[in-house]
Amino acid sequence: MQMKNILILTDFSYNSWNSIVYTLNLFKDKTIHFFILKNISSTNEYLNFKNKANSDEELDLLLNKIKNADINKKHTFNIIKDNRNIVLATKEQLKANNIDLIIIGTNDLTSKKIKNSNHISEELITKVPCDIMVIPNTANYSEYDNVVFATEFTNFLEAKLTFDLRKNKPFKKSKFHFLYLSKTKKTINKDQQWNKETLHDYFKNVPHNFSTKINTNLAVALDEFIEENNADLIVTAAKNLNLIEQLLFRPNNANLKYTNKTPFLVLT
């Protein structure tokens, strides 16, 4: 994955502005074509602008604010409005502009109390075939010294996905922590062992390690590991939907620290 075209969703909130600032800092040394999408669908609560008549003015102000920030002057910015369902609008941009990465700003990484909430990150991660980074509102970009890849060793594509990620400049000096999460203490099967060995083979010349956390609540296990290792980013594969469900969509714990401060990158 070589990131050149990035789509950022905005609703003019502090959360979305923080995600823009974070992304500009993340890619300060690379020339990026940014596409800023404002969804104005009246059926979408998460990205619904209350006064549509003012949306053009707000978008102009946002663009000026971005350009006045301390950014790489080689970046380009395109502002887009779309009144369709957010998933359809995002898929259209994916197709039209060959998007490599989608950025979502949020006030946390969970669906909170509503179990069946059509949370925007959940909608896009499960329905849009693109790498997606969810950035909490208190996240501040710093060098990715420690990257945690959460896994159950059930996806044979994880090794290539992660190794391709490392080709991008922000990850060239990162140490990768492959964290096996399980609710019970058990021996991994032959397929899991093969996937683990494949990860090791890909990263044999790259700083990395393998760790295991056992906890009936996988989100708590991840939270502890992040604190213990000062992790800057959480990564997982999009096909690991069961794991993403427990860590990102509905981790079922109000005291988790990573949901408010640690970005979560889902790779396709």
Protein backbone atom coordinates (compact mmCIF):
# COMPACT_ATOMS: atom_id res chain seq x y z
CA MET A 1 0.00 0.00 0.00
CA GLN A 2 1.51 3.29 -1.13
CA MET A 3 -0.67 6.14 0.14
CA LYS A 4 -1.22 8.91 -2.40
CA ASN A 5 -4.96 9.64 -2.33
CA ILE A 6 -6.64 10.07 1.05
CA LEU A 7 -10.32 10.66 1.78
CA ILE A 8 -11.19 12.48 5.02
CA LEU A 9 -14.77 12.62 6.27
CA THR A 10 -15.85 15.85 7.94
CA ASP A 11 -18.87 17.10 9.85
CA PHE A 12 -17.21 20.42 10.86
CA SER A 13 -16.83 19.15 14.43
CA TYR A 14 -13.76 19.34 16.66
CA ASN A 15 -13.40 15.58 16.22
CA SER A 16 -13.16 15.80 12.43
CA TRP A 17 -10.80 18.79 12.60
CA ASN A 18 -8.52 16.86 14.95
CA SER A 19 -8.47 13.97 12.46
CA ILE A 20 -7.43 16.41 9.71
CA VAL A 21 -4.60 17.85 11.83
CA TYR A 22 -3.47 14.35 12.78
CA THR A 23 -3.43 13.23 9.13
CA LEU A 24 -1.56 16.32 7.94
CA ASN A 25 1.13 15.66 10.54
CA LEU A 26 1.25 11.96 9.68
CA PHE A 27 1.92 12.74 6.02
CA LYS A 28 3.89 15.94 6.38
CA ASP A 29 6.82 14.50 4.41
CA LYS A 30 4.82 13.00 1.57
CA THR A 31 2.84 14.66 -1.23
CA ILE A 32 -0.81 13.65 -0.85
CA HIS A 33 -3.98 14.35 -2.79
CA PHE A 34 -6.60 14.93 -0.09
CA PHE A 35 -10.33 14.66 -0.72
CA ILE A 36 -12.50 16.17 2.03
CA LEU A 37 -16.00 14.66 1.99
CA LYS A 38 -18.97 16.37 3.60
CA ASN A 39 -22.02 14.17 3.57
CA ILE A 40 -25.23 16.24 3.60
CA SER A 41 -27.72 13.40 3.59
CA SER A 42 -30.70 14.17 5.81
CA THR A 43 -30.92 10.48 6.69
CA ASN A 44 -27.44 10.29 8.14
CA GLU A 45 -27.26 11.53 11.71
CA TYR A 46 -23.53 11.16 12.22
CA LEU A 47 -22.47 13.41 9.35
CA ASN A 48 -25.61 15.51 9.03
CA PHE A 49 -25.11 19.25 8.78
CA LYS A 50 -27.95 21.06 10.52
CA ASN A 51 -28.11 24.03 8.16
CA LYS A 52 -27.46 22.86 4.62
CA ALA A 53 -27.72 26.38 3.26
CA ASN A 54 -24.50 27.25 5.07
CA SER A 55 -22.58 24.15 4.02
CA ASP A 56 -20.75 25.84 1.12
CA GLU A 57 -19.55 28.63 3.38
CA GLU A 58 -18.46 26.14 6.05
CA LEU A 59 -16.54 24.10 3.49
CA ASP A 60 -14.78 27.22 2.18
CA LEU A 61 -13.82 28.16 5.74
CA LEU A 62 -12.56 24.64 6.37
CA LEU A 63 -10.43 24.68 3.23
CA ASN A 64 -8.92 28.05 4.17
CA LYS A 65 -8.23 26.78 7.68
CA ILE A 66 -6.40 23.76 6.26
CA LYS A 67 -4.34 25.83 3.84
CA ASN A 68 -3.37 28.27 6.60
CA ALA A 69 -2.11 25.43 8.76
CA ASP A 70 1.55 24.42 8.85
CA ILE A 71 1.40 21.83 6.06
CA ASN A 72 3.33 20.45 3.15
CA LYS A 73 2.59 22.99 0.41
CA LYS A 74 2.73 20.22 -2.21
CA HIS A 75 -0.48 18.69 -0.89
CA THR A 76 -3.63 19.20 -2.93
CA PHE A 77 -7.14 19.48 -1.48
CA ASN A 78 -10.51 18.81 -3.07
CA ILE A 79 -13.74 19.57 -1.22
CA ILE A 80 -16.67 17.29 -2.02
CA LYS A 81 -20.34 17.41 -1.04
CA ASP A 82 -22.57 14.39 -1.45
CA ASN A 83 -26.18 13.97 -0.34
CA ARG A 84 -26.34 10.22 -0.72
CA ASN A 85 -26.02 7.59 1.99
CA ILE A 86 -22.55 7.85 3.52
CA VAL A 87 -21.57 4.36 2.37
CA LEU A 88 -22.61 5.07 -1.22
CA ALA A 89 -20.94 8.47 -1.13
CA THR A 90 -17.70 6.96 0.17
CA LYS A 91 -17.74 4.12 -2.36
CA GLU A 92 -18.18 6.67 -5.15
CA GLN A 93 -15.07 8.54 -4.01
CA LEU A 94 -13.17 5.29 -3.69
CA LYS A 95 -13.94 4.53 -7.32
CA ALA A 96 -13.64 8.05 -8.77
CA ASN A 97 -10.40 9.05 -7.05
CA ASN A 98 -8.59 5.77 -6.45
CA ILE A 99 -8.59 6.31 -2.68
CA ASP A 100 -5.84 4.54 -0.71
CA LEU A 101 -6.94 5.45 2.81
CA ILE A 102 -10.10 6.76 4.51
CA ILE A 103 -9.85 8.87 7.66
CA ILE A 104 -12.67 9.10 10.21
CA GLY A 105 -12.56 11.38 13.25
CA THR A 106 -14.62 10.35 16.24
CA ASN A 107 -15.11 11.13 19.91
CA ASP A 108 -14.35 7.50 20.73
CA LEU A 109 -13.94 4.16 18.99
CA THR A 110 -17.04 2.45 20.30
CA SER A 111 -20.74 2.27 19.64
CA LYS A 112 -21.27 3.00 23.33
CA LYS A 113 -24.64 1.98 24.75
CA ILE A 114 -26.52 1.24 21.51
CA LYS A 115 -25.71 -2.34 20.62
CA ASN A 116 -27.12 -2.16 17.09
CA SER A 117 -26.08 1.40 16.35
CA ASN A 118 -25.15 2.10 12.72
CA HIS A 119 -21.95 3.68 13.89
CA ILE A 120 -20.17 5.34 10.96
CA SER A 121 -16.86 3.54 11.42
CA GLU A 122 -18.67 0.22 11.62
CA GLU A 123 -20.69 1.02 8.51
CA LEU A 124 -17.63 1.88 6.48
CA ILE A 125 -15.26 -0.79 7.78
CA THR A 126 -17.76 -3.55 7.07
CA LYS A 127 -19.03 -2.22 3.73
CA VAL A 128 -16.26 -0.23 2.02
CA PRO A 129 -13.23 -2.16 0.67
CA CYS A 130 -10.51 0.29 1.67
CA ASP A 131 -7.97 0.82 4.44
CA ILE A 132 -9.61 2.94 7.15
CA MET A 133 -8.07 4.81 10.06
CA VAL A 134 -10.31 5.86 12.94
CA ILE A 135 -8.82 8.75 14.92
CA PRO A 136 -10.17 9.54 18.43
CA ASN A 137 -10.66 13.17 19.40
CA THR A 138 -7.74 13.26 21.87
CA ALA A 139 -5.23 11.55 19.58
CA ASN A 140 -2.08 13.55 18.88
CA TYR A 141 0.28 12.38 16.20
CA SER A 142 3.74 11.26 17.23
CA GLU A 143 6.24 9.01 15.48
CA TYR A 144 5.08 5.41 15.29
CA ASP A 145 7.74 3.90 17.53
CA ASN A 146 5.51 1.01 18.56
CA VAL A 147 2.74 -0.42 16.41
CA VAL A 148 0.46 -3.13 17.81
CA PHE A 149 -0.99 -5.57 15.33
CA ALA A 150 -3.90 -7.33 17.06
CA THR A 151 -4.39 -10.84 15.74
CA GLU A 152 -5.76 -14.30 16.34
CA PHE A 153 -3.45 -15.76 13.64
CA THR A 154 -6.47 -16.83 11.60
CA ASN A 155 -5.85 -14.67 8.51
CA PHE A 156 -3.08 -15.77 6.17
CA LEU A 157 -3.07 -12.34 4.48
CA GLU A 158 -1.92 -10.52 7.62
CA ALA A 159 1.79 -10.90 6.87
CA LYS A 160 1.62 -9.27 3.45
CA LEU A 161 -0.79 -6.57 4.61
CA THR A 162 1.46 -5.56 7.48
CA PHE A 163 4.67 -5.76 5.50
CA ASP A 164 3.17 -3.60 2.74
CA LEU A 165 2.19 -1.07 5.40
CA ARG A 166 5.80 -0.81 6.49
CA LYS A 167 6.79 0.45 3.03
CA ASN A 168 5.21 3.78 3.95
CA LYS A 169 7.56 6.30 5.52
CA PRO A 170 5.73 6.72 8.87
CA PHE A 171 6.29 3.00 9.54
CA LYS A 172 9.86 2.49 8.34
CA LYS A 173 11.34 2.81 11.84
CA SER A 174 8.44 1.24 13.74
CA LYS A 175 8.73 -1.80 15.95
CA PHE A 176 5.82 -4.15 15.28
CA HIS A 177 4.26 -5.98 18.20
CA PHE A 178 2.16 -8.92 17.00
CA LEU A 179 -0.32 -9.40 19.81
CA TYR A 180 -2.20 -12.67 19.98
CA LEU A 181 -5.46 -12.19 21.84
CA SER A 182 -7.45 -15.08 23.28
CA LYS A 183 -10.15 -15.50 25.88
CA THR A 184 -8.72 -18.80 27.11
CA LYS A 185 -5.27 -20.31 27.42
CA LYS A 186 -4.96 -22.81 24.60
CA THR A 187 -2.45 -24.05 22.05
CA ILE A 188 -2.82 -22.51 18.60
CA ASN A 189 -3.65 -24.95 15.80
CA LYS A 190 -1.51 -25.78 12.76
CA ASP A 191 -3.04 -23.09 10.56
CA GLN A 192 -2.54 -20.44 13.24
CA GLN A 193 1.05 -21.58 13.75
CA TRP A 194 1.69 -21.36 10.00
CA ASN A 195 0.29 -17.83 9.89
CA LYS A 196 2.45 -16.83 12.87
CA GLU A 197 5.58 -18.26 11.23
CA THR A 198 4.72 -16.44 7.99
CA LEU A 199 4.58 -13.15 9.88
CA HIS A 200 7.98 -13.91 11.40
CA ASP A 201 9.43 -14.74 7.97
CA TYR A 202 8.20 -11.46 6.47
CA PHE A 203 9.62 -9.46 9.40
CA LYS A 204 12.84 -11.37 10.03
CA ASN A 205 14.92 -8.27 9.20
CA VAL A 206 12.52 -5.83 10.89
CA PRO A 207 12.23 -5.09 14.64
CA HIS A 208 9.26 -7.11 15.87
CA ASN A 209 8.09 -9.44 18.59
CA PHE A 210 5.22 -11.77 19.43
CA SER A 211 3.18 -11.45 22.59
CA THR A 212 0.12 -13.17 24.03
CA LYS A 213 -2.62 -11.76 26.21
CA ILE A 214 -5.29 -13.98 27.75
CA ASN A 215 -8.44 -12.31 29.00
CA THR A 216 -12.16 -13.01 28.67
CA ASN A 217 -12.43 -9.36 27.60
CA LEU A 218 -10.09 -8.93 24.64
CA ALA A 219 -10.44 -5.14 24.70
CA VAL A 220 -9.11 -5.02 28.26
CA ALA A 221 -6.18 -7.22 27.23
CA LEU A 222 -5.40 -4.88 24.34
CA ASP A 223 -5.69 -1.82 26.59
CA GLU A 224 -3.21 -3.28 29.07
CA PHE A 225 -0.75 -4.14 26.31
CA ILE A 226 -0.92 -0.65 24.81
CA GLU A 227 -0.19 0.92 28.19
CA GLU A 228 2.66 -1.50 28.91
CA ASN A 229 4.34 -0.87 25.55
CA ASN A 230 3.51 2.79 24.91
CA ALA A 231 1.88 1.83 21.62
CA ASP A 232 1.15 4.64 19.16
CA LEU A 233 -1.20 2.81 16.79
CA ILE A 234 -3.44 -0.25 16.70
CA VAL A 235 -3.62 -2.23 13.45
CA THR A 236 -5.71 -5.20 12.43
CA ALA A 237 -7.01 -6.83 9.26
CA ALA A 238 -10.49 -6.03 7.96
CA LYS A 239 -11.30 -9.72 7.53
CA ASN A 240 -10.92 -10.28 11.27
CA LEU A 241 -14.45 -9.01 11.84
CA ASN A 242 -15.02 -10.95 15.04
CA LEU A 243 -11.90 -9.38 16.56
CA ILE A 244 -12.77 -5.90 15.29
CA GLU A 245 -16.25 -6.28 16.75
CA GLN A 246 -14.79 -6.82 20.22
CA LEU A 247 -12.00 -4.26 20.03
CA LEU A 248 -13.48 -1.44 17.98
CA PHE A 249 -17.25 -1.61 17.61
CA ARG A 250 -18.44 -2.90 20.99
CA PRO A 251 -15.60 -3.54 23.44
CA ASN A 252 -18.01 -3.45 26.39
CA ASN A 253 -15.86 -1.56 28.85
CA ALA A 254 -16.19 2.10 29.76
CA ASN A 255 -12.68 2.41 31.25
CA LEU A 256 -10.59 1.62 28.19
CA LYS A 257 -7.92 4.22 27.48
CA TYR A 258 -7.18 3.37 23.85
CA THR A 259 -10.70 4.16 22.67
CA ASN A 260 -10.10 7.85 23.35
CA LYS A 261 -6.46 8.32 22.39
CA THR A 262 -5.05 5.59 20.13
CA PRO A 263 -5.85 5.53 16.39
CA PHE A 264 -7.08 2.26 14.95
CA LEU A 265 -6.03 1.28 11.41
CA VAL A 266 -7.98 -1.46 9.61
CA LEU A 267 -6.23 -2.96 6.57
CA THR A 268 -8.00 -4.56 3.61
